C-alpha atoms as a PDB file:
ATOM      1  CA  UNK A   1      95.098  58.899  50.679  1.00  0.00           C
ATOM      2  CA  UNK A   2      91.355  58.575  50.812  1.00  0.00           C
ATOM      3  CA  UNK A   3      89.087  59.689  48.022  1.00  0.00           C
ATOM      4  CA  UNK A   4      86.462  62.122  49.271  1.00  0.00           C
ATOM      5  CA  UNK A   5      83.426  62.474  47.028  1.00  0.00           C
ATOM      6  CA  UNK A   6      82.153  66.038  47.062  1.00  0.00           C
ATOM      7  CA  UNK A   7      78.410  66.600  46.583  1.00  0.00           C
ATOM      8  CA  UNK A   8      77.312  69.315  44.135  1.00  0.00           C
ATOM      9  CA  UNK A   9      76.333  71.715  46.917  1.00  0.00           C
ATOM     10  CA  UNK A  10      79.949  71.755  48.218  1.00  0.00           C
ATOM     11  CA  UNK A  11      81.865  71.678  44.937  1.00  0.00           C
ATOM     12  CA  UNK A  12      82.311  75.431  44.677  1.00  0.00           C
ATOM     13  CA  UNK A  13      84.184  75.305  48.007  1.00  0.00           C
ATOM     14  CA  UNK A  14      86.706  72.829  46.532  1.00  0.00           C
ATOM     15  CA  UNK A  15      87.260  74.511  43.189  1.00  0.00           C
ATOM     16  CA  UNK A  16      84.570  72.549  41.372  1.00  0.00           C
ATOM     17  CA  UNK A  17      86.131  69.122  41.994  1.00  0.00           C
ATOM     18  CA  UNK A  18      83.881  66.057  42.223  1.00  0.00           C
ATOM     19  CA  UNK A  19      86.485  64.130  44.221  1.00  0.00           C
ATOM     20  CA  UNK A  20      89.570  65.115  46.176  1.00  0.00           C
ATOM     21  CA  UNK A  21      92.374  62.975  47.593  1.00  0.00           C
ATOM     22  CA  UNK A  22      92.806  63.612  51.315  1.00  0.00           C
ATOM     23  CA  UNK A  23      95.233  61.983  53.770  1.00  0.00           C
ATOM     24  CA  UNK A  24      94.223  60.737  57.206  1.00  0.00           C
ATOM     25  CA  UNK A  25      94.005  57.618  59.328  1.00  0.00           C
ATOM     26  CA  UNK A  26      90.469  58.193  60.623  1.00  0.00           C
ATOM     27  CA  UNK A  27      87.363  59.889  59.274  1.00  0.00           C
ATOM     28  CA  UNK A  28      88.031  62.810  61.652  1.00  0.00           C
ATOM     29  CA  UNK A  29      91.594  63.234  60.348  1.00  0.00           C
ATOM     30  CA  UNK A  30      90.393  63.128  56.751  1.00  0.00           C
ATOM     31  CA  UNK A  31      87.781  65.795  57.483  1.00  0.00           C
ATOM     32  CA  UNK A  32      90.317  67.974  59.332  1.00  0.00           C
ATOM     33  CA  UNK A  33      92.711  67.717  56.373  1.00  0.00           C
ATOM     34  CA  UNK A  34      89.871  68.500  53.967  1.00  0.00           C
ATOM     35  CA  UNK A  35      89.047  71.616  56.026  1.00  0.00           C
ATOM     36  CA  UNK A  36      92.717  72.657  56.046  1.00  0.00           C
ATOM     37  CA  UNK A  37      92.913  72.417  52.260  1.00  0.00           C
ATOM     38  CA  UNK A  38      89.447  73.879  51.639  1.00  0.00           C
ATOM     39  CA  UNK A  39      88.407  76.088  54.603  1.00  0.00           C
ATOM     40  CA  UNK A  40      85.039  77.042  53.084  1.00  0.00           C
ATOM     41  CA  UNK A  41      83.866  73.436  53.439  1.00  0.00           C
ATOM     42  CA  UNK A  42      84.219  73.516  57.225  1.00  0.00           C
ATOM     43  CA  UNK A  43      81.603  76.226  57.735  1.00  0.00           C
ATOM     44  CA  UNK A  44      79.105  74.247  55.685  1.00  0.00           C
ATOM     45  CA  UNK A  45      79.631  70.961  57.528  1.00  0.00           C
ATOM     46  CA  UNK A  46      80.600  71.832  61.080  1.00  0.00           C
ATOM     47  CA  UNK A  47      78.985  73.872  63.840  1.00  0.00           C
ATOM     48  CA  UNK A  48      80.895  76.459  65.852  1.00  0.00           C
ATOM     49  CA  UNK A  49      81.430  73.911  68.634  1.00  0.00           C
ATOM     50  CA  UNK A  50      83.313  71.636  66.224  1.00  0.00           C
ATOM     51  CA  UNK A  51      80.600  69.016  65.738  1.00  0.00           C
ATOM     52  CA  UNK A  52      79.241  67.934  62.375  1.00  0.00           C
ATOM     53  CA  UNK A  53      75.834  69.400  61.698  1.00  0.00           C
ATOM     54  CA  UNK A  54      73.003  66.930  62.379  1.00  0.00           C
ATOM     55  CA  UNK A  55      71.997  66.969  58.732  1.00  0.00           C
ATOM     56  CA  UNK A  56      75.430  65.868  57.448  1.00  0.00           C
ATOM     57  CA  UNK A  57      75.792  62.172  56.654  1.00  0.00           C
ATOM     58  CA  UNK A  58      79.200  60.582  56.112  1.00  0.00           C
ATOM     59  CA  UNK A  59      79.753  57.220  54.463  1.00  0.00           C
ATOM     60  CA  UNK A  60      82.920  55.146  54.282  1.00  0.00           C
ATOM     61  CA  UNK A  61      82.843  52.687  51.398  1.00  0.00           C
ATOM     62  CA  UNK A  62      79.023  52.903  51.335  1.00  0.00           C
ATOM     63  CA  UNK A  63      78.637  52.325  55.109  1.00  0.00           C
ATOM     64  CA  UNK A  64      77.245  55.039  57.355  1.00  0.00           C
ATOM     65  CA  UNK A  65      80.019  55.928  59.817  1.00  0.00           C
ATOM     66  CA  UNK A  66      77.355  56.328  62.521  1.00  0.00           C
ATOM     67  CA  UNK A  67      77.015  52.545  62.368  1.00  0.00           C
ATOM     68  CA  UNK A  68      80.793  52.092  62.611  1.00  0.00           C
ATOM     69  CA  UNK A  69      82.991  54.094  65.010  1.00  0.00           C
ATOM     70  CA  UNK A  70      81.659  57.502  63.926  1.00  0.00           C
ATOM     71  CA  UNK A  71      84.507  59.952  63.328  1.00  0.00           C
ATOM     72  CA  UNK A  72      87.018  57.566  64.920  1.00  0.00           C
ATOM     73  CA  UNK A  73      86.407  55.036  62.128  1.00  0.00           C
ATOM     74  CA  UNK A  74      89.770  53.979  60.645  1.00  0.00           C
ATOM     75  CA  UNK A  75      90.423  54.883  57.017  1.00  0.00           C
ATOM     76  CA  UNK A  76      92.839  53.056  54.695  1.00  0.00           C
ATOM     77  CA  UNK A  77      94.492  54.201  51.484  1.00  0.00           C
ATOM     78  CA  UNK A  78      92.017  54.094  48.630  1.00  0.00           C
ATOM     79  CA  UNK A  79      88.940  54.146  50.848  1.00  0.00           C
ATOM     80  CA  UNK A  80      86.088  56.270  49.537  1.00  0.00           C
ATOM     81  CA  UNK A  81      84.359  58.785  51.777  1.00  0.00           C
ATOM     82  CA  UNK A  82      81.076  60.331  50.718  1.00  0.00           C
ATOM     83  CA  UNK A  83      79.746  63.472  52.396  1.00  0.00           C
ATOM     84  CA  UNK A  84      76.003  63.953  52.003  1.00  0.00           C
ATOM     85  CA  UNK A  85      74.376  67.016  53.505  1.00  0.00           C
ATOM     86  CA  UNK A  86      70.652  66.257  53.777  1.00  0.00           C
ATOM     87  CA  UNK A  87      68.501  68.319  51.457  1.00  0.00           C
ATOM     88  CA  UNK A  88      65.235  69.852  52.529  1.00  0.00           C
ATOM     89  CA  UNK A  89      62.388  70.343  50.172  1.00  0.00           C
ATOM     90  CA  UNK A  90      58.858  69.542  49.418  1.00  0.00           C
END
């Protein structure tokens, strides 16, 4: 299981949890399993065509998965995944 850190803006969609344990062998599998367990998260992170929104950043053990193998990045038990939707403001 991977540990997925949930940012405050998404916590209501996961019952208020700061972290959830999610199985999966790649970042994509972990996200799919997260969506299956917490469907409200999917609408906030993914577009209708199944792609992550441009403003969503995903980190595996503090490394941006865009610099690794993107959603195909392998995930091991105990790895930490952080989802960070970019915040707009002024």
